[in-house]
């Protein structure tokens, strides 16, 4: 009987982290940019501009309100995944939920694993895990974007600032996660980096070719 109870307990301990990961992934994989533009009659976002489903590409439709809504919702789903993950697995589920939401956004099963670049969702995860890191992420993102007018540069700078700040504050667990997320942000921006080096990256406010 004790052996059966132990096996049942072990099974539950495995199931709960898996549930946190699944919930985070499903939440993160909701393509808000694609859904909002489609419902608003702006067409298929994947056929516009860069083809990305994030807020920057939504802005290229000329719908600033939709772009702002996409940005907010993509960030909120990251924060929500953190909170839900922690509710499912106290003391560790927040990291699981946040990581899964980021993967879900970048590689959603509904879009054949071709999703966004994760910048807004990364910011939401940062706020959800520890709000000072979220503020730093947001400040760097907006500050660099305002200076350079390159959305990609702002996102890349924030992706670097997040793990560095976490380590400086002594949050090693968050720092390690943010290093992994930051590397994925750079990978998802590899074509942007190529255009930046070639001098062909479009600035915010200008139509992409």
C-alpha atoms as a PDB file:
ATOM      1  CA  UNK A   1       0.000   0.000   0.000  1.00  0.00           C
ATOM      2  CA  UNK A   2       2.814   2.391   0.894  1.00  0.00           C
ATOM      3  CA  UNK A   3       4.501   1.558  -2.392  1.00  0.00           C
ATOM      4  CA  UNK A   4       1.307   2.345  -4.288  1.00  0.00           C
ATOM      5  CA  UNK A   5       0.932   5.634  -2.464  1.00  0.00           C
ATOM      6  CA  UNK A   6       4.541   6.523  -3.246  1.00  0.00           C
ATOM      7  CA  UNK A   7       4.064   5.732  -6.924  1.00  0.00           C
ATOM      8  CA  UNK A   8       0.905   7.839  -7.001  1.00  0.00           C
ATOM      9  CA  UNK A   9       2.708  10.753  -5.351  1.00  0.00           C
ATOM     10  CA  UNK A  10       5.571  10.518  -7.841  1.00  0.00           C
ATOM     11  CA  UNK A  11       3.108  10.497 -10.726  1.00  0.00           C
ATOM     12  CA  UNK A  12       1.420  13.630  -9.391  1.00  0.00           C
ATOM     13  CA  UNK A  13       4.791  15.354  -8.964  1.00  0.00           C
ATOM     14  CA  UNK A  14       5.551  14.662 -12.612  1.00  0.00           C
ATOM     15  CA  UNK A  15       2.115  15.688 -13.818  1.00  0.00           C
ATOM     16  CA  UNK A  16       2.055  19.115 -12.198  1.00  0.00           C
ATOM     17  CA  UNK A  17       5.206  20.503 -13.922  1.00  0.00           C
ATOM     18  CA  UNK A  18       3.977  19.005 -17.179  1.00  0.00           C
ATOM     19  CA  UNK A  19       0.671  20.813 -16.694  1.00  0.00           C
ATOM     20  CA  UNK A  20       2.481  24.097 -16.042  1.00  0.00           C
ATOM     21  CA  UNK A  21       4.487  23.619 -19.240  1.00  0.00           C
ATOM     22  CA  UNK A  22       1.417  22.724 -21.288  1.00  0.00           C
ATOM     23  CA  UNK A  23      -0.614  25.654 -19.965  1.00  0.00           C
ATOM     24  CA  UNK A  24       2.243  28.050 -20.646  1.00  0.00           C
ATOM     25  CA  UNK A  25       2.793  26.746 -24.164  1.00  0.00           C
ATOM     26  CA  UNK A  26      -0.872  26.883 -25.132  1.00  0.00           C
ATOM     27  CA  UNK A  27      -1.235  30.403 -23.754  1.00  0.00           C
ATOM     28  CA  UNK A  28       1.943  31.602 -25.432  1.00  0.00           C
ATOM     29  CA  UNK A  29       0.965  30.094 -28.765  1.00  0.00           C
ATOM     30  CA  UNK A  30      -2.127  32.294 -29.167  1.00  0.00           C
ATOM     31  CA  UNK A  31      -1.255  34.461 -32.227  1.00  0.00           C
ATOM     32  CA  UNK A  32      -2.916  37.681 -31.134  1.00  0.00           C
ATOM     33  CA  UNK A  33      -1.455  39.764 -33.960  1.00  0.00           C
ATOM     34  CA  UNK A  34      -2.787  37.392 -36.591  1.00  0.00           C
ATOM     35  CA  UNK A  35      -6.187  37.095 -34.944  1.00  0.00           C
ATOM     36  CA  UNK A  36      -6.686  40.816 -34.358  1.00  0.00           C
ATOM     37  CA  UNK A  37      -5.763  41.833 -37.910  1.00  0.00           C
ATOM     38  CA  UNK A  38      -7.953  39.129 -39.376  1.00  0.00           C
ATOM     39  CA  UNK A  39     -10.967  40.074 -37.255  1.00  0.00           C
ATOM     40  CA  UNK A  40     -10.410  43.745 -38.129  1.00  0.00           C
ATOM     41  CA  UNK A  41     -10.448  42.961 -41.836  1.00  0.00           C
ATOM     42  CA  UNK A  42      -6.786  43.862 -42.364  1.00  0.00           C
ATOM     43  CA  UNK A  43      -6.038  40.596 -44.149  1.00  0.00           C
ATOM     44  CA  UNK A  44      -3.538  37.861 -43.386  1.00  0.00           C
ATOM     45  CA  UNK A  45      -0.693  39.409 -41.391  1.00  0.00           C
ATOM     46  CA  UNK A  46       1.703  36.781 -42.728  1.00  0.00           C
ATOM     47  CA  UNK A  47       1.288  38.276 -46.217  1.00  0.00           C
ATOM     48  CA  UNK A  48       2.112  41.815 -45.046  1.00  0.00           C
ATOM     49  CA  UNK A  49       5.535  43.410 -44.577  1.00  0.00           C
ATOM     50  CA  UNK A  50       7.957  40.968 -42.979  1.00  0.00           C
ATOM     51  CA  UNK A  51       5.276  38.315 -42.555  1.00  0.00           C
ATOM     52  CA  UNK A  52       5.866  38.240 -38.806  1.00  0.00           C
ATOM     53  CA  UNK A  53       2.887  37.993 -36.428  1.00  0.00           C
ATOM     54  CA  UNK A  54       4.214  40.527 -33.905  1.00  0.00           C
ATOM     55  CA  UNK A  55       3.226  44.105 -33.132  1.00  0.00           C
ATOM     56  CA  UNK A  56       5.849  45.715 -35.372  1.00  0.00           C
ATOM     57  CA  UNK A  57       4.412  44.025 -38.436  1.00  0.00           C
ATOM     58  CA  UNK A  58       0.866  44.801 -37.326  1.00  0.00           C
ATOM     59  CA  UNK A  59       1.938  48.457 -37.324  1.00  0.00           C
ATOM     60  CA  UNK A  60       2.740  48.113 -41.026  1.00  0.00           C
ATOM     61  CA  UNK A  61      -0.960  47.606 -41.699  1.00  0.00           C
ATOM     62  CA  UNK A  62      -1.480  51.208 -40.631  1.00  0.00           C
ATOM     63  CA  UNK A  63      -3.589  50.142 -37.644  1.00  0.00           C
ATOM     64  CA  UNK A  64      -1.789  51.666 -34.665  1.00  0.00           C
ATOM     65  CA  UNK A  65      -4.518  50.561 -32.277  1.00  0.00           C
ATOM     66  CA  UNK A  66      -4.206  46.962 -33.408  1.00  0.00           C
ATOM     67  CA  UNK A  67      -0.439  47.141 -33.048  1.00  0.00           C
ATOM     68  CA  UNK A  68      -0.746  48.454 -29.492  1.00  0.00           C
ATOM     69  CA  UNK A  69      -3.289  45.768 -28.627  1.00  0.00           C
ATOM     70  CA  UNK A  70      -1.031  43.068 -30.058  1.00  0.00           C
ATOM     71  CA  UNK A  71       1.917  44.356 -28.057  1.00  0.00           C
ATOM     72  CA  UNK A  72      -0.093  44.413 -24.839  1.00  0.00           C
ATOM     73  CA  UNK A  73      -1.693  40.996 -25.326  1.00  0.00           C
ATOM     74  CA  UNK A  74       1.594  39.327 -26.295  1.00  0.00           C
ATOM     75  CA  UNK A  75       3.150  40.729 -23.126  1.00  0.00           C
ATOM     76  CA  UNK A  76       0.172  39.805 -20.949  1.00  0.00           C
ATOM     77  CA  UNK A  77       0.187  36.189 -22.081  1.00  0.00           C
ATOM     78  CA  UNK A  78       3.810  35.932 -20.967  1.00  0.00           C
ATOM     79  CA  UNK A  79       3.016  37.359 -17.544  1.00  0.00           C
ATOM     80  CA  UNK A  80      -0.132  35.235 -17.223  1.00  0.00           C
ATOM     81  CA  UNK A  81       1.796  32.059 -18.042  1.00  0.00           C
ATOM     82  CA  UNK A  82       4.226  32.890 -15.226  1.00  0.00           C
ATOM     83  CA  UNK A  83       1.423  33.398 -12.707  1.00  0.00           C
ATOM     84  CA  UNK A  84      -0.486  30.300 -13.807  1.00  0.00           C
ATOM     85  CA  UNK A  85       2.666  28.190 -13.721  1.00  0.00           C
ATOM     86  CA  UNK A  86       3.426  29.328 -10.181  1.00  0.00           C
ATOM     87  CA  UNK A  87      -0.149  28.558  -9.113  1.00  0.00           C
ATOM     88  CA  UNK A  88       0.197  25.022 -10.479  1.00  0.00           C
ATOM     89  CA  UNK A  89       3.703  24.375  -9.135  1.00  0.00           C
ATOM     90  CA  UNK A  90       4.560  26.757  -6.273  1.00  0.00           C
ATOM     91  CA  UNK A  91       8.252  27.526  -6.014  1.00  0.00           C
ATOM     92  CA  UNK A  92       9.245  26.727  -9.584  1.00  0.00           C
ATOM     93  CA  UNK A  93       6.264  26.722 -11.875  1.00  0.00           C
ATOM     94  CA  UNK A  94       6.710  30.393 -12.730  1.00  0.00           C
ATOM     95  CA  UNK A  95       9.917  29.675 -14.641  1.00  0.00           C
ATOM     96  CA  UNK A  96       8.356  26.672 -16.355  1.00  0.00           C
ATOM     97  CA  UNK A  97       5.267  28.607 -17.411  1.00  0.00           C
ATOM     98  CA  UNK A  98       7.269  31.565 -18.661  1.00  0.00           C
ATOM     99  CA  UNK A  99       9.696  29.446 -20.664  1.00  0.00           C
ATOM    100  CA  UNK A 100       6.861  27.441 -22.213  1.00  0.00           C
ATOM    101  CA  UNK A 101       4.934  30.603 -23.147  1.00  0.00           C
ATOM    102  CA  UNK A 102       7.984  31.984 -24.914  1.00  0.00           C
ATOM    103  CA  UNK A 103       8.452  28.763 -26.884  1.00  0.00           C
ATOM    104  CA  UNK A 104       4.748  28.748 -27.677  1.00  0.00           C
ATOM    105  CA  UNK A 105       4.892  32.278 -29.052  1.00  0.00           C
ATOM    106  CA  UNK A 106       7.954  31.602 -31.191  1.00  0.00           C
ATOM    107  CA  UNK A 107       6.867  28.130 -32.315  1.00  0.00           C
ATOM    108  CA  UNK A 108       3.058  27.806 -32.145  1.00  0.00           C
ATOM    109  CA  UNK A 109       1.727  24.447 -33.246  1.00  0.00           C
ATOM    110  CA  UNK A 110      -1.285  26.149 -34.885  1.00  0.00           C
ATOM    111  CA  UNK A 111       0.959  28.007 -37.356  1.00  0.00           C
ATOM    112  CA  UNK A 112       3.217  25.069 -38.194  1.00  0.00           C
ATOM    113  CA  UNK A 113       5.715  26.307 -35.571  1.00  0.00           C
ATOM    114  CA  UNK A 114       6.276  29.574 -37.440  1.00  0.00           C
ATOM    115  CA  UNK A 115       5.524  32.259 -34.857  1.00  0.00           C
ATOM    116  CA  UNK A 116       6.790  35.590 -33.612  1.00  0.00           C
ATOM    117  CA  UNK A 117      10.170  36.729 -32.365  1.00  0.00           C
ATOM    118  CA  UNK A 118       9.255  36.860 -28.698  1.00  0.00           C
ATOM    119  CA  UNK A 119      10.248  40.388 -27.689  1.00  0.00           C
ATOM    120  CA  UNK A 120       6.915  41.477 -26.188  1.00  0.00           C
ATOM    121  CA  UNK A 121       6.292  38.088 -24.599  1.00  0.00           C
ATOM    122  CA  UNK A 122       9.800  38.175 -23.103  1.00  0.00           C
ATOM    123  CA  UNK A 123       8.922  41.511 -21.528  1.00  0.00           C
ATOM    124  CA  UNK A 124       5.725  40.125 -20.056  1.00  0.00           C
ATOM    125  CA  UNK A 125       7.623  37.175 -18.608  1.00  0.00           C
ATOM    126  CA  UNK A 126      10.125  39.567 -17.034  1.00  0.00           C
ATOM    127  CA  UNK A 127       7.336  41.552 -15.384  1.00  0.00           C
ATOM    128  CA  UNK A 128       5.647  38.375 -14.215  1.00  0.00           C
ATOM    129  CA  UNK A 129       8.777  36.934 -12.640  1.00  0.00           C
ATOM    130  CA  UNK A 130      10.040  40.109 -10.961  1.00  0.00           C
ATOM    131  CA  UNK A 131       8.724  43.553 -11.881  1.00  0.00           C
ATOM    132  CA  UNK A 132      12.047  45.481 -11.504  1.00  0.00           C
ATOM    133  CA  UNK A 133      13.491  43.331 -14.291  1.00  0.00           C
ATOM    134  CA  UNK A 134      10.399  44.061 -16.341  1.00  0.00           C
ATOM    135  CA  UNK A 135      10.925  47.794 -15.910  1.00  0.00           C
ATOM    136  CA  UNK A 136      14.570  47.513 -16.959  1.00  0.00           C
ATOM    137  CA  UNK A 137      13.591  45.440 -19.984  1.00  0.00           C
ATOM    138  CA  UNK A 138      10.927  47.956 -20.973  1.00  0.00           C
ATOM    139  CA  UNK A 139      13.214  50.965 -20.459  1.00  0.00           C
ATOM    140  CA  UNK A 140      15.987  49.498 -22.592  1.00  0.00           C
ATOM    141  CA  UNK A 141      13.584  48.340 -25.285  1.00  0.00           C
ATOM    142  CA  UNK A 142      11.778  51.664 -25.614  1.00  0.00           C
ATOM    143  CA  UNK A 143      14.921  53.747 -25.109  1.00  0.00           C
ATOM    144  CA  UNK A 144      16.967  52.016 -27.800  1.00  0.00           C
ATOM    145  CA  UNK A 145      13.979  51.939 -30.147  1.00  0.00           C
ATOM    146  CA  UNK A 146      13.431  55.668 -29.671  1.00  0.00           C
ATOM    147  CA  UNK A 147      17.083  56.429 -30.370  1.00  0.00           C
ATOM    148  CA  UNK A 148      17.644  54.119 -33.334  1.00  0.00           C
ATOM    149  CA  UNK A 149      14.074  53.691 -34.669  1.00  0.00           C
ATOM    150  CA  UNK A 150      14.981  50.070 -35.311  1.00  0.00           C
ATOM    151  CA  UNK A 151      12.483  47.727 -33.672  1.00  0.00           C
ATOM    152  CA  UNK A 152      14.917  44.835 -33.958  1.00  0.00           C
ATOM    153  CA  UNK A 153      17.741  46.733 -32.246  1.00  0.00           C
ATOM    154  CA  UNK A 154      15.459  47.696 -29.366  1.00  0.00           C
ATOM    155  CA  UNK A 155      14.354  44.098 -28.890  1.00  0.00           C
ATOM    156  CA  UNK A 156      17.887  42.718 -29.116  1.00  0.00           C
ATOM    157  CA  UNK A 157      19.201  45.273 -26.636  1.00  0.00           C
ATOM    158  CA  UNK A 158      16.431  44.398 -24.173  1.00  0.00           C
ATOM    159  CA  UNK A 159      17.166  40.688 -24.606  1.00  0.00           C
ATOM    160  CA  UNK A 160      20.767  41.367 -23.552  1.00  0.00           C
ATOM    161  CA  UNK A 161      19.840  43.705 -20.691  1.00  0.00           C
ATOM    162  CA  UNK A 162      17.410  41.216 -19.116  1.00  0.00           C
ATOM    163  CA  UNK A 163      19.839  38.414 -18.170  1.00  0.00           C
ATOM    164  CA  UNK A 164      22.621  40.868 -17.292  1.00  0.00           C
ATOM    165  CA  UNK A 165      20.282  42.719 -14.918  1.00  0.00           C
ATOM    166  CA  UNK A 166      19.041  39.475 -13.385  1.00  0.00           C
ATOM    167  CA  UNK A 167      22.595  38.361 -12.619  1.00  0.00           C
ATOM    168  CA  UNK A 168      23.504  41.782 -11.207  1.00  0.00           C
ATOM    169  CA  UNK A 169      20.504  41.570  -8.858  1.00  0.00           C
ATOM    170  CA  UNK A 170      21.568  38.090  -7.782  1.00  0.00           C
ATOM    171  CA  UNK A 171      18.607  36.335  -9.424  1.00  0.00           C
ATOM    172  CA  UNK A 172      20.627  33.488 -10.885  1.00  0.00           C
ATOM    173  CA  UNK A 173      17.629  31.291 -11.695  1.00  0.00           C
ATOM    174  CA  UNK A 174      15.960  34.032 -13.704  1.00  0.00           C
ATOM    175  CA  UNK A 175      19.273  35.042 -15.268  1.00  0.00           C
ATOM    176  CA  UNK A 176      19.887  31.563 -16.632  1.00  0.00           C
ATOM    177  CA  UNK A 177      16.392  31.407 -18.092  1.00  0.00           C
ATOM    178  CA  UNK A 178      16.776  34.863 -19.619  1.00  0.00           C
ATOM    179  CA  UNK A 179      20.097  33.885 -21.185  1.00  0.00           C
ATOM    180  CA  UNK A 180      18.334  31.034 -22.969  1.00  0.00           C
ATOM    181  CA  UNK A 181      15.436  33.247 -24.043  1.00  0.00           C
ATOM    182  CA  UNK A 182      17.844  35.963 -25.172  1.00  0.00           C
ATOM    183  CA  UNK A 183      19.753  33.535 -27.369  1.00  0.00           C
ATOM    184  CA  UNK A 184      16.484  32.478 -28.967  1.00  0.00           C
ATOM    185  CA  UNK A 185      15.548  36.125 -29.544  1.00  0.00           C
ATOM    186  CA  UNK A 186      18.843  36.591 -31.406  1.00  0.00           C
ATOM    187  CA  UNK A 187      18.193  33.439 -33.431  1.00  0.00           C
ATOM    188  CA  UNK A 188      14.719  34.620 -34.388  1.00  0.00           C
ATOM    189  CA  UNK A 189      16.202  37.990 -35.412  1.00  0.00           C
ATOM    190  CA  UNK A 190      18.975  36.519 -37.562  1.00  0.00           C
ATOM    191  CA  UNK A 191      17.491  37.915 -40.776  1.00  0.00           C
ATOM    192  CA  UNK A 192      17.107  41.328 -39.105  1.00  0.00           C
ATOM    193  CA  UNK A 193      20.752  41.203 -38.007  1.00  0.00           C
ATOM    194  CA  UNK A 194      21.738  40.419 -41.579  1.00  0.00           C
ATOM    195  CA  UNK A 195      19.765  43.414 -42.846  1.00  0.00           C
ATOM    196  CA  UNK A 196      21.252  45.645 -40.160  1.00  0.00           C
ATOM    197  CA  UNK A 197      24.748  44.682 -41.258  1.00  0.00           C
ATOM    198  CA  UNK A 198      23.765  45.289 -44.886  1.00  0.00           C
ATOM    199  CA  UNK A 199      22.098  48.619 -44.063  1.00  0.00           C
ATOM    200  CA  UNK A 200      18.725  47.486 -45.408  1.00  0.00           C
ATOM    201  CA  UNK A 201      16.767  47.021 -42.173  1.00  0.00           C
ATOM    202  CA  UNK A 202      13.580  49.162 -42.260  1.00  0.00           C
ATOM    203  CA  UNK A 203      13.067  51.653 -39.450  1.00  0.00           C
ATOM    204  CA  UNK A 204       9.831  51.938 -37.537  1.00  0.00           C
ATOM    205  CA  UNK A 205       7.490  54.264 -39.389  1.00  0.00           C
ATOM    206  CA  UNK A 206       8.700  53.227 -42.808  1.00  0.00           C
ATOM    207  CA  UNK A 207       7.272  50.484 -44.983  1.00  0.00           C
ATOM    208  CA  UNK A 208       9.437  47.412 -45.435  1.00  0.00           C
ATOM    209  CA  UNK A 209      10.333  46.161 -48.805  1.00  0.00           C
END
